[in-house]
Amino acid sequence: MSVFFIPLILYFFCAFSLKKIIVLFRKTSLIDKPTERSNHRVPTPTGAGIIIIPSIIFSSILVFLVNEIITTQWLVFFISCSTLMIVSFIDDLKGLPSTIRLMIHFFCVGLSLFSFKDEIFIYSQNFELFKILALGPTIDFYIITFLLIFFWLWVINLFNFMDGMDGITSVQVIFLTFVTNILSLLGYLSENFQSLSIIILAAFLAFYNFNKPTAKIFLGDVGSIPMGYIAGFIIITSLLQGGPIVPLLIITMYHLMDASITLINRIIKRRNVFEAHSDHFFQKALRSGQTHRQLLNKIIVLFFFLLLLSTISIKYPLSCLFLAILLSFGFLVLLHFQVKK
């Protein structure tokens, strides 16, 4: 019963708190003022994550304690998520050097993966390629750990990179919770993930009411960075515990492809990858004249197709993954040519 009762309360709490905090933030420095690379034209409060993330953490802990299913890995998860939230809030307020931010991200990811060390070791020993290469258990373990660190850090930062349009992060998170809940109901993920997904869904449905076009408040780094960490946690946990990873990759495919292709393009052009920019496909589409509402509606349609492919991929992973890549890439190409016109 708590799985549904607590998220219901959470939804109304977040809706009420966000409404109040919008007024408060207008009187502080937590205002996103438009610049040449901005996707909006009106100064808008930012930092909604200071309501959303603590609400998710507190509600999850409460449900886990009621159900008596909290573990060391989940404690590390809550500590890391809280740390990222606090540091990111300071960054929203005052601005922190990218090196310090990355060090904190690396610390939280490293701490989390340390709690998964047994699962990583087992996974590395069952990895078919490593059996052929015969490099040794220790080297196998460190290779997998390094790859997981790199992937998790990328997911954290791509959620931050992509949080630049009205409603886009809300939609991505909402659809991610759908897939997480489906995997949990089918027994691929633990009961905790069902609770977590419903809690996140409740919080982000409330946030979407204020973040949809025209946005009244933005998530801010305080929300996008911890949410990227949570997404990475779900994907990596599913991988290490033998669950299907393809459905989760498919539902995040648009974010993965837009951010990754943009990053590669900036590297090719020898531009600073840590410098703020407006080179993402959705940003160019907005600058070309599409409204936030028009573009978001198209992205939502894309996500419905990705959700369908995610569900089918439980039985047909490779073919659905290929179709998701093709579909997402085709969508980006469409945006590109619309910009050219």
C-alpha atoms as a PDB file:
ATOM      1  CA  MET A   1       0.000   0.000   0.000  1.00  0.00           C
ATOM      2  CA  SER A   2       2.877   2.399   0.846  1.00  0.00           C
ATOM      3  CA  VAL A   3       4.187   1.976  -2.719  1.00  0.00           C
ATOM      4  CA  PHE A   4       1.166   3.955  -3.970  1.00  0.00           C
ATOM      5  CA  PHE A   5       0.182   6.046  -0.924  1.00  0.00           C
ATOM      6  CA  ILE A   6       3.560   7.751  -0.439  1.00  0.00           C
ATOM      7  CA  PRO A   7       4.002   8.696  -4.146  1.00  0.00           C
ATOM      8  CA  LEU A   8       0.507  10.209  -4.135  1.00  0.00           C
ATOM      9  CA  ILE A   9       1.424  12.438  -1.198  1.00  0.00           C
ATOM     10  CA  LEU A  10       4.755  13.174  -2.874  1.00  0.00           C
ATOM     11  CA  TYR A  11       3.050  14.395  -6.047  1.00  0.00           C
ATOM     12  CA  PHE A  12       0.940  16.972  -4.203  1.00  0.00           C
ATOM     13  CA  PHE A  13       3.861  17.990  -1.964  1.00  0.00           C
ATOM     14  CA  CYS A  14       6.135  18.631  -4.947  1.00  0.00           C
ATOM     15  CA  ALA A  15       3.408  20.496  -6.838  1.00  0.00           C
ATOM     16  CA  PHE A  16       2.698  22.735  -3.844  1.00  0.00           C
ATOM     17  CA  SER A  17       6.396  23.312  -3.037  1.00  0.00           C
ATOM     18  CA  LEU A  18       7.370  24.112  -6.629  1.00  0.00           C
ATOM     19  CA  LYS A  19       4.570  26.649  -6.892  1.00  0.00           C
ATOM     20  CA  LYS A  20       5.860  28.402  -3.776  1.00  0.00           C
ATOM     21  CA  ILE A  21       9.547  28.143  -4.668  1.00  0.00           C
ATOM     22  CA  ILE A  22       9.059  29.754  -8.088  1.00  0.00           C
ATOM     23  CA  VAL A  23       8.020  32.959  -6.337  1.00  0.00           C
ATOM     24  CA  LEU A  24      10.926  32.691  -3.876  1.00  0.00           C
ATOM     25  CA  PHE A  25      13.590  32.003  -6.518  1.00  0.00           C
ATOM     26  CA  ARG A  26      12.533  35.045  -8.550  1.00  0.00           C
ATOM     27  CA  LYS A  27      13.961  37.127  -5.706  1.00  0.00           C
ATOM     28  CA  THR A  28      17.309  35.288  -5.581  1.00  0.00           C
ATOM     29  CA  SER A  29      20.277  34.618  -7.883  1.00  0.00           C
ATOM     30  CA  LEU A  30      18.671  31.342  -8.997  1.00  0.00           C
ATOM     31  CA  ILE A  31      17.397  32.897 -12.195  1.00  0.00           C
ATOM     32  CA  ASP A  32      18.392  31.642 -15.632  1.00  0.00           C
ATOM     33  CA  LYS A  33      18.872  34.849 -17.607  1.00  0.00           C
ATOM     34  CA  PRO A  34      18.774  34.524 -21.402  1.00  0.00           C
ATOM     35  CA  THR A  35      22.070  34.743 -23.303  1.00  0.00           C
ATOM     36  CA  GLU A  36      23.025  34.334 -26.970  1.00  0.00           C
ATOM     37  CA  ARG A  37      23.041  30.532 -26.603  1.00  0.00           C
ATOM     38  CA  SER A  38      19.856  30.345 -24.500  1.00  0.00           C
ATOM     39  CA  ASN A  39      16.748  28.530 -25.700  1.00  0.00           C
ATOM     40  CA  HIS A  40      14.394  30.877 -23.879  1.00  0.00           C
ATOM     41  CA  ARG A  41      13.875  34.636 -23.929  1.00  0.00           C
ATOM     42  CA  VAL A  42      12.436  35.345 -20.465  1.00  0.00           C
ATOM     43  CA  PRO A  43      14.409  35.149 -17.163  1.00  0.00           C
ATOM     44  CA  THR A  44      13.219  31.935 -15.522  1.00  0.00           C
ATOM     45  CA  PRO A  45      13.850  30.476 -12.053  1.00  0.00           C
ATOM     46  CA  THR A  46      16.073  27.405 -11.934  1.00  0.00           C
ATOM     47  CA  GLY A  47      16.911  24.899  -9.226  1.00  0.00           C
ATOM     48  CA  ALA A  48      13.676  22.886  -8.999  1.00  0.00           C
ATOM     49  CA  GLY A  49      15.887  19.900  -8.197  1.00  0.00           C
ATOM     50  CA  ILE A  50      16.279  21.243  -4.657  1.00  0.00           C
ATOM     51  CA  ILE A  51      12.660  20.139  -4.141  1.00  0.00           C
ATOM     52  CA  ILE A  52      12.532  17.117  -6.471  1.00  0.00           C
ATOM     53  CA  ILE A  53      15.695  15.226  -5.466  1.00  0.00           C
ATOM     54  CA  PRO A  54      15.364  15.414  -1.634  1.00  0.00           C
ATOM     55  CA  SER A  55      11.717  14.393  -2.018  1.00  0.00           C
ATOM     56  CA  ILE A  56      12.724  11.330  -4.065  1.00  0.00           C
ATOM     57  CA  ILE A  57      15.476  10.389  -1.595  1.00  0.00           C
ATOM     58  CA  PHE A  58      13.322  10.821   1.529  1.00  0.00           C
ATOM     59  CA  SER A  59      10.303   9.030   0.037  1.00  0.00           C
ATOM     60  CA  SER A  60      12.432   6.120  -1.197  1.00  0.00           C
ATOM     61  CA  ILE A  61      14.118   5.675   2.175  1.00  0.00           C
ATOM     62  CA  LEU A  62      10.706   5.745   3.873  1.00  0.00           C
ATOM     63  CA  VAL A  63       9.246   3.084   1.550  1.00  0.00           C
ATOM     64  CA  PHE A  64      12.371   0.898   1.790  1.00  0.00           C
ATOM     65  CA  LEU A  65      12.329   1.060   5.603  1.00  0.00           C
ATOM     66  CA  VAL A  66       8.624   0.234   5.731  1.00  0.00           C
ATOM     67  CA  ASN A  67       9.223  -2.766   3.466  1.00  0.00           C
ATOM     68  CA  GLU A  68      12.459  -3.644   5.302  1.00  0.00           C
ATOM     69  CA  ILE A  69      14.395  -4.107   2.048  1.00  0.00           C
ATOM     70  CA  ILE A  70      17.183  -1.538   2.341  1.00  0.00           C
ATOM     71  CA  THR A  71      20.775  -2.731   1.685  1.00  0.00           C
ATOM     72  CA  THR A  72      24.310  -1.324   1.789  1.00  0.00           C
ATOM     73  CA  GLN A  73      24.191  -0.622  -1.943  1.00  0.00           C
ATOM     74  CA  TRP A  74      21.056   1.452  -1.496  1.00  0.00           C
ATOM     75  CA  LEU A  75      22.597   3.359   1.422  1.00  0.00           C
ATOM     76  CA  VAL A  76      25.569   4.214  -0.804  1.00  0.00           C
ATOM     77  CA  PHE A  77      23.093   5.210  -3.516  1.00  0.00           C
ATOM     78  CA  PHE A  78      21.310   7.662  -1.204  1.00  0.00           C
ATOM     79  CA  ILE A  79      24.596   9.108   0.119  1.00  0.00           C
ATOM     80  CA  SER A  80      25.994   9.593  -3.393  1.00  0.00           C
ATOM     81  CA  CYS A  81      22.765  11.085  -4.695  1.00  0.00           C
ATOM     82  CA  SER A  82      22.638  13.535  -1.772  1.00  0.00           C
ATOM     83  CA  THR A  83      26.288  14.499  -2.256  1.00  0.00           C
ATOM     84  CA  LEU A  84      25.753  15.224  -5.951  1.00  0.00           C
ATOM     85  CA  MET A  85      22.669  17.269  -5.115  1.00  0.00           C
ATOM     86  CA  ILE A  86      24.475  19.437  -2.550  1.00  0.00           C
ATOM     87  CA  VAL A  87      27.545  20.049  -4.717  1.00  0.00           C
ATOM     88  CA  SER A  88      25.384  20.790  -7.765  1.00  0.00           C
ATOM     89  CA  PHE A  89      23.272  23.247  -5.769  1.00  0.00           C
ATOM     90  CA  ILE A  90      26.438  25.101  -4.768  1.00  0.00           C
ATOM     91  CA  ASP A  91      27.401  25.101  -8.441  1.00  0.00           C
ATOM     92  CA  ASP A  92      23.994  26.570  -9.354  1.00  0.00           C
ATOM     93  CA  LEU A  93      24.458  29.302  -6.745  1.00  0.00           C
ATOM     94  CA  LYS A  94      28.102  30.264  -7.180  1.00  0.00           C
ATOM     95  CA  GLY A  95      29.595  28.209  -9.985  1.00  0.00           C
ATOM     96  CA  LEU A  96      32.318  25.620  -9.453  1.00  0.00           C
ATOM     97  CA  PRO A  97      35.305  24.720 -11.672  1.00  0.00           C
ATOM     98  CA  SER A  98      34.616  21.768 -13.975  1.00  0.00           C
ATOM     99  CA  THR A  99      37.540  19.857 -12.419  1.00  0.00           C
ATOM    100  CA  ILE A 100      35.954  19.958  -8.952  1.00  0.00           C
ATOM    101  CA  ARG A 101      32.568  18.886 -10.318  1.00  0.00           C
ATOM    102  CA  LEU A 102      34.113  15.965 -12.202  1.00  0.00           C
ATOM    103  CA  MET A 103      36.080  14.889  -9.131  1.00  0.00           C
ATOM    104  CA  ILE A 104      32.871  14.761  -7.076  1.00  0.00           C
ATOM    105  CA  HIS A 105      31.101  12.855  -9.851  1.00  0.00           C
ATOM    106  CA  PHE A 106      34.017  10.407 -10.027  1.00  0.00           C
ATOM    107  CA  PHE A 107      34.016   9.939  -6.238  1.00  0.00           C
ATOM    108  CA  CYS A 108      30.278   9.168  -6.089  1.00  0.00           C
ATOM    109  CA  VAL A 109      30.421   6.783  -9.044  1.00  0.00           C
ATOM    110  CA  GLY A 110      33.549   5.091  -7.673  1.00  0.00           C
ATOM    111  CA  LEU A 111      31.965   4.677  -4.236  1.00  0.00           C
ATOM    112  CA  SER A 112      28.836   3.212  -5.775  1.00  0.00           C
ATOM    113  CA  LEU A 113      30.767   0.756  -7.944  1.00  0.00           C
ATOM    114  CA  PHE A 114      32.811  -0.288  -4.919  1.00  0.00           C
ATOM    115  CA  SER A 115      29.563  -1.452  -3.335  1.00  0.00           C
ATOM    116  CA  PHE A 116      29.039  -3.554  -6.487  1.00  0.00           C
ATOM    117  CA  LYS A 117      32.547  -5.060  -6.459  1.00  0.00           C
ATOM    118  CA  ASP A 118      31.313  -8.645  -6.014  1.00  0.00           C
ATOM    119  CA  GLU A 119      28.818  -8.313  -8.872  1.00  0.00           C
ATOM    120  CA  ILE A 120      31.453  -6.692 -11.100  1.00  0.00           C
ATOM    121  CA  PHE A 121      33.895  -9.535 -10.424  1.00  0.00           C
ATOM    122  CA  ILE A 122      31.280 -12.188 -11.274  1.00  0.00           C
ATOM    123  CA  TYR A 123      30.207 -10.309 -14.384  1.00  0.00           C
ATOM    124  CA  SER A 124      33.808  -9.898 -15.593  1.00  0.00           C
ATOM    125  CA  GLN A 125      34.462 -13.628 -15.189  1.00  0.00           C
ATOM    126  CA  ASN A 126      31.391 -14.507 -17.243  1.00  0.00           C
ATOM    127  CA  PHE A 127      32.213 -12.057 -20.031  1.00  0.00           C
ATOM    128  CA  GLU A 128      32.776 -14.169 -23.149  1.00  0.00           C
ATOM    129  CA  LEU A 129      35.458 -11.957 -24.722  1.00  0.00           C
ATOM    130  CA  PHE A 130      37.571 -12.083 -21.565  1.00  0.00           C
ATOM    131  CA  LYS A 131      37.400 -15.881 -21.590  1.00  0.00           C
ATOM    132  CA  ILE A 132      38.981 -15.830 -25.043  1.00  0.00           C
ATOM    133  CA  LEU A 133      41.625 -13.203 -24.206  1.00  0.00           C
ATOM    134  CA  ALA A 134      42.539 -14.907 -20.888  1.00  0.00           C
ATOM    135  CA  LEU A 135      43.975 -11.738 -19.357  1.00  0.00           C
ATOM    136  CA  GLY A 136      43.362 -12.855 -15.790  1.00  0.00           C
ATOM    137  CA  PRO A 137      40.599 -12.175 -13.228  1.00  0.00           C
ATOM    138  CA  THR A 138      42.185  -8.999 -11.816  1.00  0.00           C
ATOM    139  CA  ILE A 139      42.695  -7.327 -15.189  1.00  0.00           C
ATOM    140  CA  ASP A 140      39.196  -8.360 -16.290  1.00  0.00           C
ATOM    141  CA  PHE A 141      37.762  -6.801 -13.138  1.00  0.00           C
ATOM    142  CA  TYR A 142      39.552  -3.481 -13.632  1.00  0.00           C
ATOM    143  CA  ILE A 143      38.661  -3.256 -17.327  1.00  0.00           C
ATOM    144  CA  ILE A 144      34.949  -3.696 -16.564  1.00  0.00           C
ATOM    145  CA  THR A 145      35.181  -1.245 -13.648  1.00  0.00           C
ATOM    146  CA  PHE A 146      36.863   1.376 -15.837  1.00  0.00           C
ATOM    147  CA  LEU A 147      34.218   0.989 -18.562  1.00  0.00           C
ATOM    148  CA  LEU A 148      31.394   1.260 -16.021  1.00  0.00           C
ATOM    149  CA  ILE A 149      32.928   4.402 -14.501  1.00  0.00           C
ATOM    150  CA  PHE A 150      33.243   5.992 -17.928  1.00  0.00           C
ATOM    151  CA  PHE A 151      29.674   5.050 -18.902  1.00  0.00           C
ATOM    152  CA  TRP A 152      28.151   6.214 -15.613  1.00  0.00           C
ATOM    153  CA  LEU A 153      29.972   9.562 -15.727  1.00  0.00           C
ATOM    154  CA  TRP A 154      28.773  10.032 -19.287  1.00  0.00           C
ATOM    155  CA  VAL A 155      25.146   9.334 -18.344  1.00  0.00           C
ATOM    156  CA  ILE A 156      25.382  11.840 -15.472  1.00  0.00           C
ATOM    157  CA  ASN A 157      26.743  14.551 -17.714  1.00  0.00           C
ATOM    158  CA  LEU A 158      24.524  13.871 -20.716  1.00  0.00           C
ATOM    159  CA  PHE A 159      21.437  14.391 -18.516  1.00  0.00           C
ATOM    160  CA  ASN A 160      22.982  17.732 -17.590  1.00  0.00           C
ATOM    161  CA  PHE A 161      23.845  18.583 -21.218  1.00  0.00           C
ATOM    162  CA  MET A 162      20.357  17.696 -22.467  1.00  0.00           C
ATOM    163  CA  ASP A 163      18.525  19.690 -19.797  1.00  0.00           C
ATOM    164  CA  GLY A 164      18.201  22.736 -22.015  1.00  0.00           C
ATOM    165  CA  MET A 165      14.652  22.723 -23.300  1.00  0.00           C
ATOM    166  CA  ASP A 166      11.204  23.021 -21.735  1.00  0.00           C
ATOM    167  CA  GLY A 167       9.947  19.613 -20.638  1.00  0.00           C
ATOM    168  CA  ILE A 168      12.663  17.468 -22.264  1.00  0.00           C
ATOM    169  CA  THR A 169      14.213  16.066 -19.072  1.00  0.00           C
ATOM    170  CA  SER A 170      10.794  15.508 -17.512  1.00  0.00           C
ATOM    171  CA  VAL A 171       9.672  13.463 -20.518  1.00  0.00           C
ATOM    172  CA  GLN A 172      12.888  11.424 -20.578  1.00  0.00           C
ATOM    173  CA  VAL A 173      12.649  10.620 -16.863  1.00  0.00           C
ATOM    174  CA  ILE A 174       8.940   9.762 -17.016  1.00  0.00           C
ATOM    175  CA  PHE A 175       9.467   7.269 -19.840  1.00  0.00           C
ATOM    176  CA  LEU A 176      12.514   5.825 -18.053  1.00  0.00           C
ATOM    177  CA  THR A 177      10.325   5.150 -15.000  1.00  0.00           C
ATOM    178  CA  PHE A 178       7.803   3.312 -17.212  1.00  0.00           C
ATOM    179  CA  VAL A 179      10.491   0.916 -18.472  1.00  0.00           C
ATOM    180  CA  THR A 180      12.022   0.468 -15.004  1.00  0.00           C
ATOM    181  CA  ASN A 181       8.616  -0.378 -13.577  1.00  0.00           C
ATOM    182  CA  ILE A 182       7.905  -2.874 -16.378  1.00  0.00           C
ATOM    183  CA  LEU A 183      11.234  -4.638 -15.773  1.00  0.00           C
ATOM    184  CA  SER A 184      10.526  -4.768 -12.044  1.00  0.00           C
ATOM    185  CA  LEU A 185       7.007  -6.145 -12.547  1.00  0.00           C
ATOM    186  CA  LEU A 186       8.452  -8.862 -14.798  1.00  0.00           C
ATOM    187  CA  GLY A 187      10.959  -9.799 -12.104  1.00  0.00           C
ATOM    188  CA  TYR A 188      14.127  -8.556 -13.840  1.00  0.00           C
ATOM    189  CA  LEU A 189      14.692  -5.822 -11.246  1.00  0.00           C
ATOM    190  CA  SER A 190      14.031  -5.970  -7.507  1.00  0.00           C
ATOM    191  CA  GLU A 191      10.939  -4.629  -5.749  1.00  0.00           C
ATOM    192  CA  ASN A 192      12.952  -1.589  -4.691  1.00  0.00           C
ATOM    193  CA  PHE A 193      13.156  -0.443  -8.301  1.00  0.00           C
ATOM    194  CA  GLN A 194       9.404  -0.593  -8.675  1.00  0.00           C
ATOM    195  CA  SER A 195       9.060   1.642  -5.614  1.00  0.00           C
ATOM    196  CA  LEU A 196      11.816   3.969  -6.822  1.00  0.00           C
ATOM    197  CA  SER A 197      10.323   4.270 -10.308  1.00  0.00           C
ATOM    198  CA  ILE A 198       6.850   5.134  -8.982  1.00  0.00           C
ATOM    199  CA  ILE A 199       8.321   7.718  -6.600  1.00  0.00           C
ATOM    200  CA  ILE A 200      10.375   9.345  -9.363  1.00  0.00           C
ATOM    201  CA  LEU A 201       7.330   9.292 -11.643  1.00  0.00           C
ATOM    202  CA  ALA A 202       5.222  11.106  -9.041  1.00  0.00           C
ATOM    203  CA  ALA A 203       7.884  13.786  -8.464  1.00  0.00           C
ATOM    204  CA  PHE A 204       8.509  14.411 -12.164  1.00  0.00           C
ATOM    205  CA  LEU A 205       4.828  14.469 -13.095  1.00  0.00           C
ATOM    206  CA  ALA A 206       4.490  17.315 -10.589  1.00  0.00           C
ATOM    207  CA  PHE A 207       7.598  18.991 -12.014  1.00  0.00           C
ATOM    208  CA  TYR A 208       6.353  18.598 -15.595  1.00  0.00           C
ATOM    209  CA  ASN A 209       3.335  20.778 -14.783  1.00  0.00           C
ATOM    210  CA  PHE A 210       5.737  23.688 -14.209  1.00  0.00           C
ATOM    211  CA  ASN A 211       8.448  22.717 -16.715  1.00  0.00           C
ATOM    212  CA  LYS A 212       6.334  22.042 -19.819  1.00  0.00           C
ATOM    213  CA  PRO A 213       6.219  24.826 -22.429  1.00  0.00           C
ATOM    214  CA  THR A 214       6.301  27.625 -21.494  1.00  0.00           C
ATOM    215  CA  ALA A 215       8.474  26.612 -18.508  1.00  0.00           C
ATOM    216  CA  LYS A 216       7.952  28.415 -15.226  1.00  0.00           C
ATOM    217  CA  ILE A 217      11.021  26.798 -13.639  1.00  0.00           C
ATOM    218  CA  PHE A 218      13.994  24.690 -14.725  1.00  0.00           C
ATOM    219  CA  LEU A 219      15.513  21.663 -13.010  1.00  0.00           C
ATOM    220  CA  GLY A 220      19.021  23.093 -12.686  1.00  0.00           C
ATOM    221  CA  ASP A 221      22.227  21.145 -12.082  1.00  0.00           C
ATOM    222  CA  VAL A 222      20.917  20.338  -8.607  1.00  0.00           C
ATOM    223  CA  GLY A 223      18.299  18.165 -10.323  1.00  0.00           C
ATOM    224  CA  SER A 224      19.822  17.044 -13.623  1.00  0.00           C
ATOM    225  CA  ILE A 225      23.124  15.758 -12.175  1.00  0.00           C
ATOM    226  CA  PRO A 226      21.570  13.518  -9.464  1.00  0.00           C
ATOM    227  CA  MET A 227      18.937  12.344 -11.961  1.00  0.00           C
ATOM    228  CA  GLY A 228      21.684  11.322 -14.361  1.00  0.00           C
ATOM    229  CA  TYR A 229      23.290   9.410 -11.491  1.00  0.00           C
ATOM    230  CA  ILE A 230      19.979   7.654 -10.765  1.00  0.00           C
ATOM    231  CA  ALA A 231      19.543   6.695 -14.435  1.00  0.00           C
ATOM    232  CA  GLY A 232      23.075   5.284 -14.497  1.00  0.00           C
ATOM    233  CA  PHE A 233      22.407   3.368 -11.292  1.00  0.00           C
ATOM    234  CA  ILE A 234      19.318   1.715 -12.762  1.00  0.00           C
ATOM    235  CA  ILE A 235      21.087   0.727 -15.996  1.00  0.00           C
ATOM    236  CA  ILE A 236      24.254  -0.591 -14.321  1.00  0.00           C
ATOM    237  CA  THR A 237      22.359  -2.475 -11.618  1.00  0.00           C
ATOM    238  CA  SER A 238      20.298  -4.224 -14.283  1.00  0.00           C
ATOM    239  CA  LEU A 239      23.483  -5.128 -16.168  1.00  0.00           C
ATOM    240  CA  LEU A 240      25.385  -6.487 -13.166  1.00  0.00           C
ATOM    241  CA  GLN A 241      22.456  -8.413 -11.741  1.00  0.00           C
ATOM    242  CA  GLY A 242      21.759 -10.233 -15.001  1.00  0.00           C
ATOM    243  CA  GLY A 243      18.721  -8.249 -16.034  1.00  0.00           C
ATOM    244  CA  PRO A 244      18.092  -6.915 -19.552  1.00  0.00           C
ATOM    245  CA  ILE A 245      20.017  -3.714 -20.271  1.00  0.00           C
ATOM    246  CA  VAL A 246      18.757  -3.165 -23.830  1.00  0.00           C
ATOM    247  CA  PRO A 247      15.282  -1.834 -22.819  1.00  0.00           C
ATOM    248  CA  LEU A 248      16.938   0.813 -20.648  1.00  0.00           C
ATOM    249  CA  LEU A 249      19.399   1.787 -23.376  1.00  0.00           C
ATOM    250  CA  ILE A 250      16.567   2.068 -25.894  1.00  0.00           C
ATOM    251  CA  ILE A 251      14.443   4.381 -23.746  1.00  0.00           C
ATOM    252  CA  THR A 252      17.450   6.691 -23.233  1.00  0.00           C
ATOM    253  CA  MET A 253      18.539   6.422 -26.879  1.00  0.00           C
ATOM    254  CA  TYR A 254      17.514   9.946 -27.905  1.00  0.00           C
ATOM    255  CA  HIS A 255      19.515  11.507 -25.060  1.00  0.00           C
ATOM    256  CA  LEU A 256      22.458   9.194 -25.715  1.00  0.00           C
ATOM    257  CA  MET A 257      22.606   9.919 -29.445  1.00  0.00           C
ATOM    258  CA  ASP A 258      22.006  13.671 -29.390  1.00  0.00           C
ATOM    259  CA  ALA A 259      24.588  14.236 -26.643  1.00  0.00           C
ATOM    260  CA  SER A 260      27.149  11.760 -28.029  1.00  0.00           C
ATOM    261  CA  ILE A 261      27.009  12.934 -31.646  1.00  0.00           C
ATOM    262  CA  THR A 262      27.216  16.553 -30.502  1.00  0.00           C
ATOM    263  CA  LEU A 263      30.253  15.768 -28.334  1.00  0.00           C
ATOM    264  CA  ILE A 264      32.005  13.900 -31.161  1.00  0.00           C
ATOM    265  CA  ASN A 265      31.267  16.770 -33.524  1.00  0.00           C
ATOM    266  CA  ARG A 266      32.779  19.283 -31.081  1.00  0.00           C
ATOM    267  CA  ILE A 267      35.887  17.128 -30.654  1.00  0.00           C
ATOM    268  CA  ILE A 268      36.311  16.908 -34.443  1.00  0.00           C
ATOM    269  CA  LYS A 269      36.011  20.691 -34.686  1.00  0.00           C
ATOM    270  CA  ARG A 270      38.512  21.031 -31.784  1.00  0.00           C
ATOM    271  CA  ARG A 271      36.118  22.931 -29.571  1.00  0.00           C
ATOM    272  CA  ASN A 272      36.234  22.898 -25.768  1.00  0.00           C
ATOM    273  CA  VAL A 273      33.944  20.031 -24.699  1.00  0.00           C
ATOM    274  CA  PHE A 274      33.615  21.481 -21.187  1.00  0.00           C
ATOM    275  CA  GLU A 275      32.515  24.894 -22.432  1.00  0.00           C
ATOM    276  CA  ALA A 276      28.800  25.717 -22.384  1.00  0.00           C
ATOM    277  CA  HIS A 277      27.355  25.624 -25.909  1.00  0.00           C
ATOM    278  CA  SER A 278      24.166  25.349 -27.937  1.00  0.00           C
ATOM    279  CA  ASP A 279      25.194  22.753 -30.508  1.00  0.00           C
ATOM    280  CA  HIS A 280      22.695  20.035 -29.643  1.00  0.00           C
ATOM    281  CA  PHE A 281      20.216  19.083 -32.334  1.00  0.00           C
ATOM    282  CA  PHE A 282      17.229  20.215 -30.271  1.00  0.00           C
ATOM    283  CA  GLN A 283      18.907  23.567 -29.565  1.00  0.00           C
ATOM    284  CA  LYS A 284      19.524  24.201 -33.257  1.00  0.00           C
ATOM    285  CA  ALA A 285      15.925  23.246 -34.016  1.00  0.00           C
ATOM    286  CA  LEU A 286      14.677  25.768 -31.474  1.00  0.00           C
ATOM    287  CA  ARG A 287      16.900  28.499 -32.899  1.00  0.00           C
ATOM    288  CA  SER A 288      15.619  27.714 -36.394  1.00  0.00           C
ATOM    289  CA  GLY A 289      12.108  28.769 -35.375  1.00  0.00           C
ATOM    290  CA  GLN A 290      10.418  25.708 -33.883  1.00  0.00           C
ATOM    291  CA  THR A 291       8.702  26.392 -30.582  1.00  0.00           C
ATOM    292  CA  HIS A 292       9.405  24.404 -27.438  1.00  0.00           C
ATOM    293  CA  ARG A 293       5.892  22.971 -27.581  1.00  0.00           C
ATOM    294  CA  GLN A 294       6.170  21.899 -31.238  1.00  0.00           C
ATOM    295  CA  LEU A 295       9.524  20.199 -30.708  1.00  0.00           C
ATOM    296  CA  LEU A 296       8.530  18.594 -27.409  1.00  0.00           C
ATOM    297  CA  ASN A 297       5.432  17.068 -29.039  1.00  0.00           C
ATOM    298  CA  LYS A 298       7.670  15.460 -31.682  1.00  0.00           C
ATOM    299  CA  ILE A 299      10.052  14.161 -29.013  1.00  0.00           C
ATOM    300  CA  ILE A 300       7.143  12.685 -27.032  1.00  0.00           C
ATOM    301  CA  VAL A 301       5.995  10.790 -30.148  1.00  0.00           C
ATOM    302  CA  LEU A 302       9.551   9.475 -30.546  1.00  0.00           C
ATOM    303  CA  PHE A 303       9.555   8.338 -26.926  1.00  0.00           C
ATOM    304  CA  PHE A 304       6.318   6.410 -27.388  1.00  0.00           C
ATOM    305  CA  PHE A 305       7.951   4.452 -30.229  1.00  0.00           C
ATOM    306  CA  LEU A 306      11.065   3.914 -28.077  1.00  0.00           C
ATOM    307  CA  LEU A 307       8.852   2.690 -25.222  1.00  0.00           C
ATOM    308  CA  LEU A 308       7.241   0.169 -27.563  1.00  0.00           C
ATOM    309  CA  LEU A 309      10.652  -1.029 -28.763  1.00  0.00           C
ATOM    310  CA  SER A 310      11.902  -1.196 -25.154  1.00  0.00           C
ATOM    311  CA  THR A 311       9.062  -3.519 -24.218  1.00  0.00           C
ATOM    312  CA  ILE A 312       9.484  -5.757 -27.266  1.00  0.00           C
ATOM    313  CA  SER A 313      13.270  -5.825 -26.766  1.00  0.00           C
ATOM    314  CA  ILE A 314      12.836  -8.012 -23.684  1.00  0.00           C
ATOM    315  CA  LYS A 315      12.258 -10.839 -26.172  1.00  0.00           C
ATOM    316  CA  TYR A 316      14.054  -9.483 -29.268  1.00  0.00           C
ATOM    317  CA  PRO A 317      16.920  -7.321 -27.909  1.00  0.00           C
ATOM    318  CA  LEU A 318      19.280  -6.949 -30.885  1.00  0.00           C
ATOM    319  CA  SER A 319      16.691  -6.232 -33.546  1.00  0.00           C
ATOM    320  CA  CYS A 320      14.882  -3.713 -31.316  1.00  0.00           C
ATOM    321  CA  LEU A 321      18.151  -2.012 -30.359  1.00  0.00           C
ATOM    322  CA  PHE A 322      19.032  -1.643 -34.048  1.00  0.00           C
ATOM    323  CA  LEU A 323      15.590  -0.179 -34.798  1.00  0.00           C
ATOM    324  CA  ALA A 324      15.880   2.235 -31.849  1.00  0.00           C
ATOM    325  CA  ILE A 325      19.266   3.458 -33.069  1.00  0.00           C
ATOM    326  CA  LEU A 326      17.904   3.848 -36.600  1.00  0.00           C
ATOM    327  CA  LEU A 327      14.773   5.641 -35.389  1.00  0.00           C
ATOM    328  CA  SER A 328      16.646   8.046 -33.092  1.00  0.00           C
ATOM    329  CA  PHE A 329      19.304   8.783 -35.690  1.00  0.00           C
ATOM    330  CA  GLY A 330      16.593   9.383 -38.294  1.00  0.00           C
ATOM    331  CA  PHE A 331      14.899  11.820 -35.916  1.00  0.00           C
ATOM    332  CA  LEU A 332      18.170  13.737 -35.481  1.00  0.00           C
ATOM    333  CA  VAL A 333      18.685  13.812 -39.249  1.00  0.00           C
ATOM    334  CA  LEU A 334      15.154  15.188 -39.636  1.00  0.00           C
ATOM    335  CA  LEU A 335      15.917  17.954 -37.122  1.00  0.00           C
ATOM    336  CA  HIS A 336      19.174  18.684 -38.937  1.00  0.00           C
ATOM    337  CA  PHE A 337      17.523  19.162 -42.331  1.00  0.00           C
ATOM    338  CA  GLN A 338      14.706  21.215 -40.837  1.00  0.00           C
ATOM    339  CA  VAL A 339      17.357  23.538 -39.421  1.00  0.00           C
ATOM    340  CA  LYS A 340      19.062  23.740 -42.818  1.00  0.00           C
ATOM    341  CA  LYS A 341      15.801  24.813 -44.416  1.00  0.00           C
END
